[in-house]
Amino acid sequence: AGQGYPAEMKKLQARGGGPQVGDVA
């Protein structure tokens, strides 16, 4: 993020999210 890629890093950090198995898609 400090090297100039904050948007990409924010998206990568979000990868822990999203629906889990058993959740309504």
mmCIF file of all heavy atoms, coordinates in Angstrom:
data_MODEL
# 
_entry.id   MODEL 
# 
loop_
_atom_site.group_PDB 
_atom_site.id 
_atom_site.type_symbol 
_atom_site.label_atom_id 
_atom_site.label_alt_id 
_atom_site.label_comp_id 
_atom_site.label_asym_id 
_atom_site.label_entity_id 
_atom_site.label_seq_id 
_atom_site.pdbx_PDB_ins_code 
_atom_site.Cartn_x 
_atom_site.Cartn_y 
_atom_site.Cartn_z 
_atom_site.occupancy 
_atom_site.B_iso_or_equiv 
_atom_site.pdbx_formal_charge 
_atom_site.auth_seq_id 
_atom_site.auth_comp_id 
_atom_site.auth_asym_id 
_atom_site.auth_atom_id 
_atom_site.pdbx_PDB_model_num 
ATOM 1   N N   . ALA A 1 1  ? 0.846   -1.187  0.000  1.00 0.00 ? 1  ALA A N   1 
ATOM 2   C CA  . ALA A 1 1  ? 0.000   0.000   0.000  1.00 0.00 ? 1  ALA A CA  1 
ATOM 3   C C   . ALA A 1 1  ? 0.882   1.238   0.000  1.00 0.00 ? 1  ALA A C   1 
ATOM 4   O O   . ALA A 1 1  ? 0.599   2.235   -0.677 1.00 0.00 ? 1  ALA A O   1 
ATOM 5   C CB  . ALA A 1 1  ? -0.923  -0.008  1.218  1.00 0.00 ? 1  ALA A CB  1 
ATOM 6   N N   . GLY A 1 2  ? 1.977   1.154   0.739  1.00 0.00 ? 2  GLY A N   1 
ATOM 7   C CA  . GLY A 1 2  ? 2.899   2.281   0.792  1.00 0.00 ? 2  GLY A CA  1 
ATOM 8   C C   . GLY A 1 2  ? 3.650   2.487   -0.500 1.00 0.00 ? 2  GLY A C   1 
ATOM 9   O O   . GLY A 1 2  ? 4.160   3.574   -0.766 1.00 0.00 ? 2  GLY A O   1 
ATOM 10  N N   . GLN A 1 3  ? 3.728   1.443   -1.337 1.00 0.00 ? 3  GLN A N   1 
ATOM 11  C CA  . GLN A 1 3  ? 4.416   1.548   -2.614 1.00 0.00 ? 3  GLN A CA  1 
ATOM 12  C C   . GLN A 1 3  ? 3.504   2.084   -3.714 1.00 0.00 ? 3  GLN A C   1 
ATOM 13  O O   . GLN A 1 3  ? 3.898   2.172   -4.860 1.00 0.00 ? 3  GLN A O   1 
ATOM 14  C CB  . GLN A 1 3  ? 4.964   0.176   -3.040 1.00 0.00 ? 3  GLN A CB  1 
ATOM 15  C CG  . GLN A 1 3  ? 6.097   -0.321  -2.163 1.00 0.00 ? 3  GLN A CG  1 
ATOM 16  C CD  . GLN A 1 3  ? 6.628   -1.650  -2.634 1.00 0.00 ? 3  GLN A CD  1 
ATOM 17  O OE1 . GLN A 1 3  ? 6.819   -1.866  -3.825 1.00 0.00 ? 3  GLN A OE1 1 
ATOM 18  N NE2 . GLN A 1 3  ? 6.871   -2.558  -1.714 1.00 0.00 ? 3  GLN A NE2 1 
ATOM 19  N N   . GLY A 1 4  ? 2.263   2.410   -3.367 1.00 0.00 ? 4  GLY A N   1 
ATOM 20  C CA  . GLY A 1 4  ? 1.385   3.013   -4.359 1.00 0.00 ? 4  GLY A CA  1 
ATOM 21  C C   . GLY A 1 4  ? 0.287   2.115   -4.864 1.00 0.00 ? 4  GLY A C   1 
ATOM 22  O O   . GLY A 1 4  ? -0.297  2.384   -5.914 1.00 0.00 ? 4  GLY A O   1 
ATOM 23  N N   . TYR A 1 5  ? -0.024  1.041   -4.162 1.00 0.00 ? 5  TYR A N   1 
ATOM 24  C CA  . TYR A 1 5  ? -1.072  0.129   -4.603 1.00 0.00 ? 5  TYR A CA  1 
ATOM 25  C C   . TYR A 1 5  ? -2.140  -0.063  -3.519 1.00 0.00 ? 5  TYR A C   1 
ATOM 26  O O   . TYR A 1 5  ? -2.531  -1.185  -3.205 1.00 0.00 ? 5  TYR A O   1 
ATOM 27  C CB  . TYR A 1 5  ? -0.474  -1.232  -4.981 1.00 0.00 ? 5  TYR A CB  1 
ATOM 28  C CG  . TYR A 1 5  ? 0.583   -1.155  -6.048 1.00 0.00 ? 5  TYR A CG  1 
ATOM 29  C CD1 . TYR A 1 5  ? 1.911   -1.467  -5.766 1.00 0.00 ? 5  TYR A CD1 1 
ATOM 30  C CD2 . TYR A 1 5  ? 0.256   -0.757  -7.338 1.00 0.00 ? 5  TYR A CD2 1 
ATOM 31  C CE1 . TYR A 1 5  ? 2.883   -1.388  -6.748 1.00 0.00 ? 5  TYR A CE1 1 
ATOM 32  C CE2 . TYR A 1 5  ? 1.222   -0.674  -8.325 1.00 0.00 ? 5  TYR A CE2 1 
ATOM 33  C CZ  . TYR A 1 5  ? 2.532   -0.997  -8.025 1.00 0.00 ? 5  TYR A CZ  1 
ATOM 34  O OH  . TYR A 1 5  ? 3.491   -0.910  -8.999 1.00 0.00 ? 5  TYR A OH  1 
ATOM 35  N N   . PRO A 1 6  ? -2.639  1.003   -2.915 1.00 0.00 ? 6  PRO A N   1 
ATOM 36  C CA  . PRO A 1 6  ? -3.616  0.852   -1.826 1.00 0.00 ? 6  PRO A CA  1 
ATOM 37  C C   . PRO A 1 6  ? -4.914  0.208   -2.257 1.00 0.00 ? 6  PRO A C   1 
ATOM 38  O O   . PRO A 1 6  ? -5.519  -0.547  -1.503 1.00 0.00 ? 6  PRO A O   1 
ATOM 39  C CB  . PRO A 1 6  ? -3.827  2.296   -1.344 1.00 0.00 ? 6  PRO A CB  1 
ATOM 40  C CG  . PRO A 1 6  ? -3.491  3.135   -2.542 1.00 0.00 ? 6  PRO A CG  1 
ATOM 41  C CD  . PRO A 1 6  ? -2.361  2.410   -3.211 1.00 0.00 ? 6  PRO A CD  1 
ATOM 42  N N   . ALA A 1 7  ? -5.379  0.501   -3.483 1.00 0.00 ? 7  ALA A N   1 
ATOM 43  C CA  . ALA A 1 7  ? -6.645  -0.066  -3.945 1.00 0.00 ? 7  ALA A CA  1 
ATOM 44  C C   . ALA A 1 7  ? -6.536  -1.580  -4.066 1.00 0.00 ? 7  ALA A C   1 
ATOM 45  O O   . ALA A 1 7  ? -7.428  -2.331  -3.642 1.00 0.00 ? 7  ALA A O   1 
ATOM 46  C CB  . ALA A 1 7  ? -7.039  0.541   -5.293 1.00 0.00 ? 7  ALA A CB  1 
ATOM 47  N N   . GLU A 1 8  ? -5.427  -2.057  -4.642 1.00 0.00 ? 8  GLU A N   1 
ATOM 48  C CA  . GLU A 1 8  ? -5.224  -3.488  -4.787 1.00 0.00 ? 8  GLU A CA  1 
ATOM 49  C C   . GLU A 1 8  ? -5.140  -4.176  -3.427 1.00 0.00 ? 8  GLU A C   1 
ATOM 50  O O   . GLU A 1 8  ? -5.685  -5.260  -3.223 1.00 0.00 ? 8  GLU A O   1 
ATOM 51  C CB  . GLU A 1 8  ? -3.949  -3.771  -5.597 1.00 0.00 ? 8  GLU A CB  1 
ATOM 52  C CG  . GLU A 1 8  ? -4.082  -3.490  -7.084 1.00 0.00 ? 8  GLU A CG  1 
ATOM 53  C CD  . GLU A 1 8  ? -3.754  -2.044  -7.420 1.00 0.00 ? 8  GLU A CD  1 
ATOM 54  O OE1 . GLU A 1 8  ? -3.767  -1.195  -6.512 1.00 0.00 ? 8  GLU A OE1 1 
ATOM 55  O OE2 . GLU A 1 8  ? -3.495  -1.765  -8.619 1.00 0.00 ? 8  GLU A OE2 1 
ATOM 56  N N   . MET A 1 9  ? -4.474  -3.525  -2.500 1.00 0.00 ? 9  MET A N   1 
ATOM 57  C CA  . MET A 1 9  ? -4.321  -4.126  -1.182 1.00 0.00 ? 9  MET A CA  1 
ATOM 58  C C   . MET A 1 9  ? -5.653  -4.211  -0.442 1.00 0.00 ? 9  MET A C   1 
ATOM 59  O O   . MET A 1 9  ? -5.935  -5.186  0.252  1.00 0.00 ? 9  MET A O   1 
ATOM 60  C CB  . MET A 1 9  ? -3.329  -3.308  -0.344 1.00 0.00 ? 9  MET A CB  1 
ATOM 61  C CG  . MET A 1 9  ? -1.912  -3.310  -0.903 1.00 0.00 ? 9  MET A CG  1 
ATOM 62  S SD  . MET A 1 9  ? -1.280  -4.968  -1.291 1.00 0.00 ? 9  MET A SD  1 
ATOM 63  C CE  . MET A 1 9  ? -1.593  -5.053  -3.059 1.00 0.00 ? 9  MET A CE  1 
ATOM 64  N N   . LYS A 1 10 ? -6.483  -3.212  -0.630 1.00 0.00 ? 10 LYS A N   1 
ATOM 65  C CA  . LYS A 1 10 ? -7.802  -3.229  0.003  1.00 0.00 ? 10 LYS A CA  1 
ATOM 66  C C   . LYS A 1 10 ? -8.627  -4.394  -0.523 1.00 0.00 ? 10 LYS A C   1 
ATOM 67  O O   . LYS A 1 10 ? -9.319  -5.085  0.227  1.00 0.00 ? 10 LYS A O   1 
ATOM 68  C CB  . LYS A 1 10 ? -8.522  -1.900  -0.254 1.00 0.00 ? 10 LYS A CB  1 
ATOM 69  C CG  . LYS A 1 10 ? -9.857  -1.769  0.469  1.00 0.00 ? 10 LYS A CG  1 
ATOM 70  C CD  . LYS A 1 10 ? -10.450 -0.378  0.256  1.00 0.00 ? 10 LYS A CD  1 
ATOM 71  C CE  . LYS A 1 10 ? -11.780 -0.242  0.997  1.00 0.00 ? 10 LYS A CE  1 
ATOM 72  N NZ  . LYS A 1 10 ? -12.364 1.116   0.797  1.00 0.00 ? 10 LYS A NZ  1 
ATOM 73  N N   . LYS A 1 11 ? -8.537  -4.634  -1.828 1.00 0.00 ? 11 LYS A N   1 
ATOM 74  C CA  . LYS A 1 11 ? -9.286  -5.744  -2.435 1.00 0.00 ? 11 LYS A CA  1 
ATOM 75  C C   . LYS A 1 11 ? -8.763  -7.087  -1.933 1.00 0.00 ? 11 LYS A C   1 
ATOM 76  O O   . LYS A 1 11 ? -9.535  -8.016  -1.676 1.00 0.00 ? 11 LYS A O   1 
ATOM 77  C CB  . LYS A 1 11 ? -9.183  -5.681  -3.966 1.00 0.00 ? 11 LYS A CB  1 
ATOM 78  C CG  . LYS A 1 11 ? -9.871  -4.486  -4.590 1.00 0.00 ? 11 LYS A CG  1 
ATOM 79  C CD  . LYS A 1 11 ? -9.576  -4.425  -6.078 1.00 0.00 ? 11 LYS A CD  1 
ATOM 80  C CE  . LYS A 1 11 ? -10.103 -3.150  -6.712 1.00 0.00 ? 11 LYS A CE  1 
ATOM 81  N NZ  . LYS A 1 11 ? -9.710  -3.039  -8.135 1.00 0.00 ? 11 LYS A NZ  1 
ATOM 82  N N   . LEU A 1 12 ? -7.455  -7.194  -1.797 1.00 0.00 ? 12 LEU A N   1 
ATOM 83  C CA  . LEU A 1 12 ? -6.877  -8.452  -1.320 1.00 0.00 ? 12 LEU A CA  1 
ATOM 84  C C   . LEU A 1 12 ? -7.268  -8.725  0.126  1.00 0.00 ? 12 LEU A C   1 
ATOM 85  O O   . LEU A 1 12 ? -7.566  -9.859  0.505  1.00 0.00 ? 12 LEU A O   1 
ATOM 86  C CB  . LEU A 1 12 ? -5.357  -8.422  -1.460 1.00 0.00 ? 12 LEU A CB  1 
ATOM 87  C CG  . LEU A 1 12 ? -4.821  -8.622  -2.873 1.00 0.00 ? 12 LEU A CG  1 
ATOM 88  C CD1 . LEU A 1 12 ? -3.314  -8.413  -2.899 1.00 0.00 ? 12 LEU A CD1 1 
ATOM 89  C CD2 . LEU A 1 12 ? -5.161  -10.015 -3.396 1.00 0.00 ? 12 LEU A CD2 1 
ATOM 90  N N   . GLN A 1 13 ? -7.286  -7.681  0.934  1.00 0.00 ? 13 GLN A N   1 
ATOM 91  C CA  . GLN A 1 13 ? -7.669  -7.845  2.329  1.00 0.00 ? 13 GLN A CA  1 
ATOM 92  C C   . GLN A 1 13 ? -9.113  -8.329  2.446  1.00 0.00 ? 13 GLN A C   1 
ATOM 93  O O   . GLN A 1 13 ? -9.469  -9.041  3.373  1.00 0.00 ? 13 GLN A O   1 
ATOM 94  C CB  . GLN A 1 13 ? -7.506  -6.523  3.077  1.00 0.00 ? 13 GLN A CB  1 
ATOM 95  C CG  . GLN A 1 13 ? -6.058  -6.161  3.348  1.00 0.00 ? 13 GLN A CG  1 
ATOM 96  C CD  . GLN A 1 13 ? -5.931  -4.785  3.982  1.00 0.00 ? 13 GLN A CD  1 
ATOM 97  O OE1 . GLN A 1 13 ? -6.645  -3.856  3.631  1.00 0.00 ? 13 GLN A OE1 1 
ATOM 98  N NE2 . GLN A 1 13 ? -5.011  -4.657  4.918  1.00 0.00 ? 13 GLN A NE2 1 
ATOM 99  N N   . ALA A 1 14 ? -9.939  -7.977  1.455  1.00 0.00 ? 14 ALA A N   1 
ATOM 100 C CA  . ALA A 1 14 ? -11.359 -8.350  1.484  1.00 0.00 ? 14 ALA A CA  1 
ATOM 101 C C   . ALA A 1 14 ? -11.594 -9.815  1.155  1.00 0.00 ? 14 ALA A C   1 
ATOM 102 O O   . ALA A 1 14 ? -12.698 -10.330 1.327  1.00 0.00 ? 14 ALA A O   1 
ATOM 103 C CB  . ALA A 1 14 ? -12.143 -7.474  0.506  1.00 0.00 ? 14 ALA A CB  1 
ATOM 104 N N   . ARG A 1 15 ? -10.548 -10.517 0.690  1.00 0.00 ? 15 ARG A N   1 
ATOM 105 C CA  . ARG A 1 15 ? -10.743 -11.906 0.254  1.00 0.00 ? 15 ARG A CA  1 
ATOM 106 C C   . ARG A 1 15 ? -11.157 -12.837 1.389  1.00 0.00 ? 15 ARG A C   1 
ATOM 107 O O   . ARG A 1 15 ? -11.663 -13.921 1.160  1.00 0.00 ? 15 ARG A O   1 
ATOM 108 C CB  . ARG A 1 15 ? -9.474  -12.445 -0.419 1.00 0.00 ? 15 ARG A CB  1 
ATOM 109 C CG  . ARG A 1 15 ? -9.291  -11.904 -1.821 1.00 0.00 ? 15 ARG A CG  1 
ATOM 110 C CD  . ARG A 1 15 ? -8.098  -12.541 -2.502 1.00 0.00 ? 15 ARG A CD  1 
ATOM 111 N NE  . ARG A 1 15 ? -8.295  -13.962 -2.710 1.00 0.00 ? 15 ARG A NE  1 
ATOM 112 C CZ  . ARG A 1 15 ? -8.998  -14.475 -3.705 1.00 0.00 ? 15 ARG A CZ  1 
ATOM 113 N NH1 . ARG A 1 15 ? -9.606  -13.694 -4.563 1.00 0.00 ? 15 ARG A NH1 1 
ATOM 114 N NH2 . ARG A 1 15 ? -9.102  -15.779 -3.851 1.00 0.00 ? 15 ARG A NH2 1 
ATOM 115 N N   . GLY A 1 16 ? -10.966 -12.423 2.613  1.00 0.00 ? 16 GLY A N   1 
ATOM 116 C CA  . GLY A 1 16 ? -11.422 -13.241 3.728  1.00 0.00 ? 16 GLY A CA  1 
ATOM 117 C C   . GLY A 1 16 ? -12.928 -13.176 3.885  1.00 0.00 ? 16 GLY A C   1 
ATOM 118 O O   . GLY A 1 16 ? -13.522 -13.959 4.624  1.00 0.00 ? 16 GLY A O   1 
ATOM 119 N N   . GLY A 1 17 ? -13.560 -12.252 3.171  1.00 0.00 ? 17 GLY A N   1 
ATOM 120 C CA  . GLY A 1 17 ? -15.003 -12.093 3.240  1.00 0.00 ? 17 GLY A CA  1 
ATOM 121 C C   . GLY A 1 17 ? -15.708 -12.946 2.209  1.00 0.00 ? 17 GLY A C   1 
ATOM 122 O O   . GLY A 1 17 ? -15.207 -13.964 1.752  1.00 0.00 ? 17 GLY A O   1 
ATOM 123 N N   . GLY A 1 18 ? -16.897 -12.498 1.819  1.00 0.00 ? 18 GLY A N   1 
ATOM 124 C CA  . GLY A 1 18 ? -17.696 -13.267 0.875  1.00 0.00 ? 18 GLY A CA  1 
ATOM 125 C C   . GLY A 1 18 ? -18.517 -14.314 1.602  1.00 0.00 ? 18 GLY A C   1 
ATOM 126 O O   . GLY A 1 18 ? -18.264 -14.619 2.770  1.00 0.00 ? 18 GLY A O   1 
ATOM 127 N N   . PRO A 1 19 ? -19.519 -14.876 0.939  1.00 0.00 ? 19 PRO A N   1 
ATOM 128 C CA  . PRO A 1 19 ? -20.383 -15.869 1.585  1.00 0.00 ? 19 PRO A CA  1 
ATOM 129 C C   . PRO A 1 19 ? -19.634 -17.137 1.955  1.00 0.00 ? 19 PRO A C   1 
ATOM 130 O O   . PRO A 1 19 ? -18.753 -17.587 1.225  1.00 0.00 ? 19 PRO A O   1 
ATOM 131 C CB  . PRO A 1 19 ? -21.457 -16.142 0.529  1.00 0.00 ? 19 PRO A CB  1 
ATOM 132 C CG  . PRO A 1 19 ? -20.771 -15.838 -0.769 1.00 0.00 ? 19 PRO A CG  1 
ATOM 133 C CD  . PRO A 1 19 ? -19.879 -14.673 -0.475 1.00 0.00 ? 19 PRO A CD  1 
ATOM 134 N N   . GLN A 1 20 ? -19.984 -17.693 3.095  1.00 0.00 ? 20 GLN A N   1 
ATOM 135 C CA  . GLN A 1 20 ? -19.398 -18.947 3.549  1.00 0.00 ? 20 GLN A CA  1 
ATOM 136 C C   . GLN A 1 20 ? -20.268 -20.119 3.061  1.00 0.00 ? 20 GLN A C   1 
ATOM 137 O O   . GLN A 1 20 ? -21.409 -19.926 2.643  1.00 0.00 ? 20 GLN A O   1 
ATOM 138 C CB  . GLN A 1 20 ? -19.332 -18.966 5.076  1.00 0.00 ? 20 GLN A CB  1 
ATOM 139 C CG  . GLN A 1 20 ? -18.596 -17.789 5.688  1.00 0.00 ? 20 GLN A CG  1 
ATOM 140 C CD  . GLN A 1 20 ? -17.103 -17.830 5.421  1.00 0.00 ? 20 GLN A CD  1 
ATOM 141 O OE1 . GLN A 1 20 ? -16.484 -18.887 5.481  1.00 0.00 ? 20 GLN A OE1 1 
ATOM 142 N NE2 . GLN A 1 20 ? -16.515 -16.678 5.130  1.00 0.00 ? 20 GLN A NE2 1 
ATOM 143 N N   . VAL A 1 21 ? -19.722 -21.313 3.127  1.00 0.00 ? 21 VAL A N   1 
ATOM 144 C CA  . VAL A 1 21 ? -20.509 -22.510 2.798  1.00 0.00 ? 21 VAL A CA  1 
ATOM 145 C C   . VAL A 1 21 ? -21.720 -22.554 3.730  1.00 0.00 ? 21 VAL A C   1 
ATOM 146 O O   . VAL A 1 21 ? -21.593 -22.399 4.944  1.00 0.00 ? 21 VAL A O   1 
ATOM 147 C CB  . VAL A 1 21 ? -19.654 -23.784 2.947  1.00 0.00 ? 21 VAL A CB  1 
ATOM 148 C CG1 . VAL A 1 21 ? -20.543 -25.036 2.823  1.00 0.00 ? 21 VAL A CG1 1 
ATOM 149 C CG2 . VAL A 1 21 ? -18.559 -23.810 1.885  1.00 0.00 ? 21 VAL A CG2 1 
ATOM 150 N N   . GLY A 1 22 ? -22.881 -22.728 3.148  1.00 0.00 ? 22 GLY A N   1 
ATOM 151 C CA  . GLY A 1 22 ? -24.125 -22.741 3.916  1.00 0.00 ? 22 GLY A CA  1 
ATOM 152 C C   . GLY A 1 22 ? -24.876 -21.431 3.868  1.00 0.00 ? 22 GLY A C   1 
ATOM 153 O O   . GLY A 1 22 ? -26.081 -21.383 4.149  1.00 0.00 ? 22 GLY A O   1 
ATOM 154 N N   . ASP A 1 23 ? -24.178 -20.334 3.494  1.00 0.00 ? 23 ASP A N   1 
ATOM 155 C CA  . ASP A 1 23 ? -24.833 -19.041 3.366  1.00 0.00 ? 23 ASP A CA  1 
ATOM 156 C C   . ASP A 1 23 ? -25.639 -18.970 2.070  1.00 0.00 ? 23 ASP A C   1 
ATOM 157 O O   . ASP A 1 23 ? -25.299 -19.622 1.069  1.00 0.00 ? 23 ASP A O   1 
ATOM 158 C CB  . ASP A 1 23 ? -23.805 -17.901 3.333  1.00 0.00 ? 23 ASP A CB  1 
ATOM 159 C CG  . ASP A 1 23 ? -23.134 -17.669 4.667  1.00 0.00 ? 23 ASP A CG  1 
ATOM 160 O OD1 . ASP A 1 23 ? -23.597 -18.236 5.674  1.00 0.00 ? 23 ASP A OD1 1 
ATOM 161 O OD2 . ASP A 1 23 ? -22.126 -16.929 4.701  1.00 0.00 ? 23 ASP A OD2 1 
ATOM 162 N N   . VAL A 1 24 ? -26.676 -18.156 2.082  1.00 0.00 ? 24 VAL A N   1 
ATOM 163 C CA  . VAL A 1 24 ? -27.396 -17.871 0.845  1.00 0.00 ? 24 VAL A CA  1 
ATOM 164 C C   . VAL A 1 24 ? -26.469 -17.067 -0.058 1.00 0.00 ? 24 VAL A C   1 
ATOM 165 O O   . VAL A 1 24 ? -25.867 -16.079 0.375  1.00 0.00 ? 24 VAL A O   1 
ATOM 166 C CB  . VAL A 1 24 ? -28.683 -17.075 1.122  1.00 0.00 ? 24 VAL A CB  1 
ATOM 167 C CG1 . VAL A 1 24 ? -29.346 -16.652 -0.182 1.00 0.00 ? 24 VAL A CG1 1 
ATOM 168 C CG2 . VAL A 1 24 ? -29.654 -17.909 1.955  1.00 0.00 ? 24 VAL A CG2 1 
ATOM 169 N N   . ALA A 1 25 ? -26.324 -17.498 -1.297 1.00 0.00 ? 25 ALA A N   1 
ATOM 170 C CA  . ALA A 1 25 ? -25.453 -16.785 -2.234 1.00 0.00 ? 25 ALA A CA  1 
ATOM 171 C C   . ALA A 1 25 ? -26.064 -15.420 -2.548 1.00 0.00 ? 25 ALA A C   1 
ATOM 172 O O   . ALA A 1 25 ? -27.251 -15.331 -2.875 1.00 0.00 ? 25 ALA A O   1 
ATOM 173 C CB  . ALA A 1 25 ? -25.295 -17.596 -3.520 1.00 0.00 ? 25 ALA A CB  1 
# 
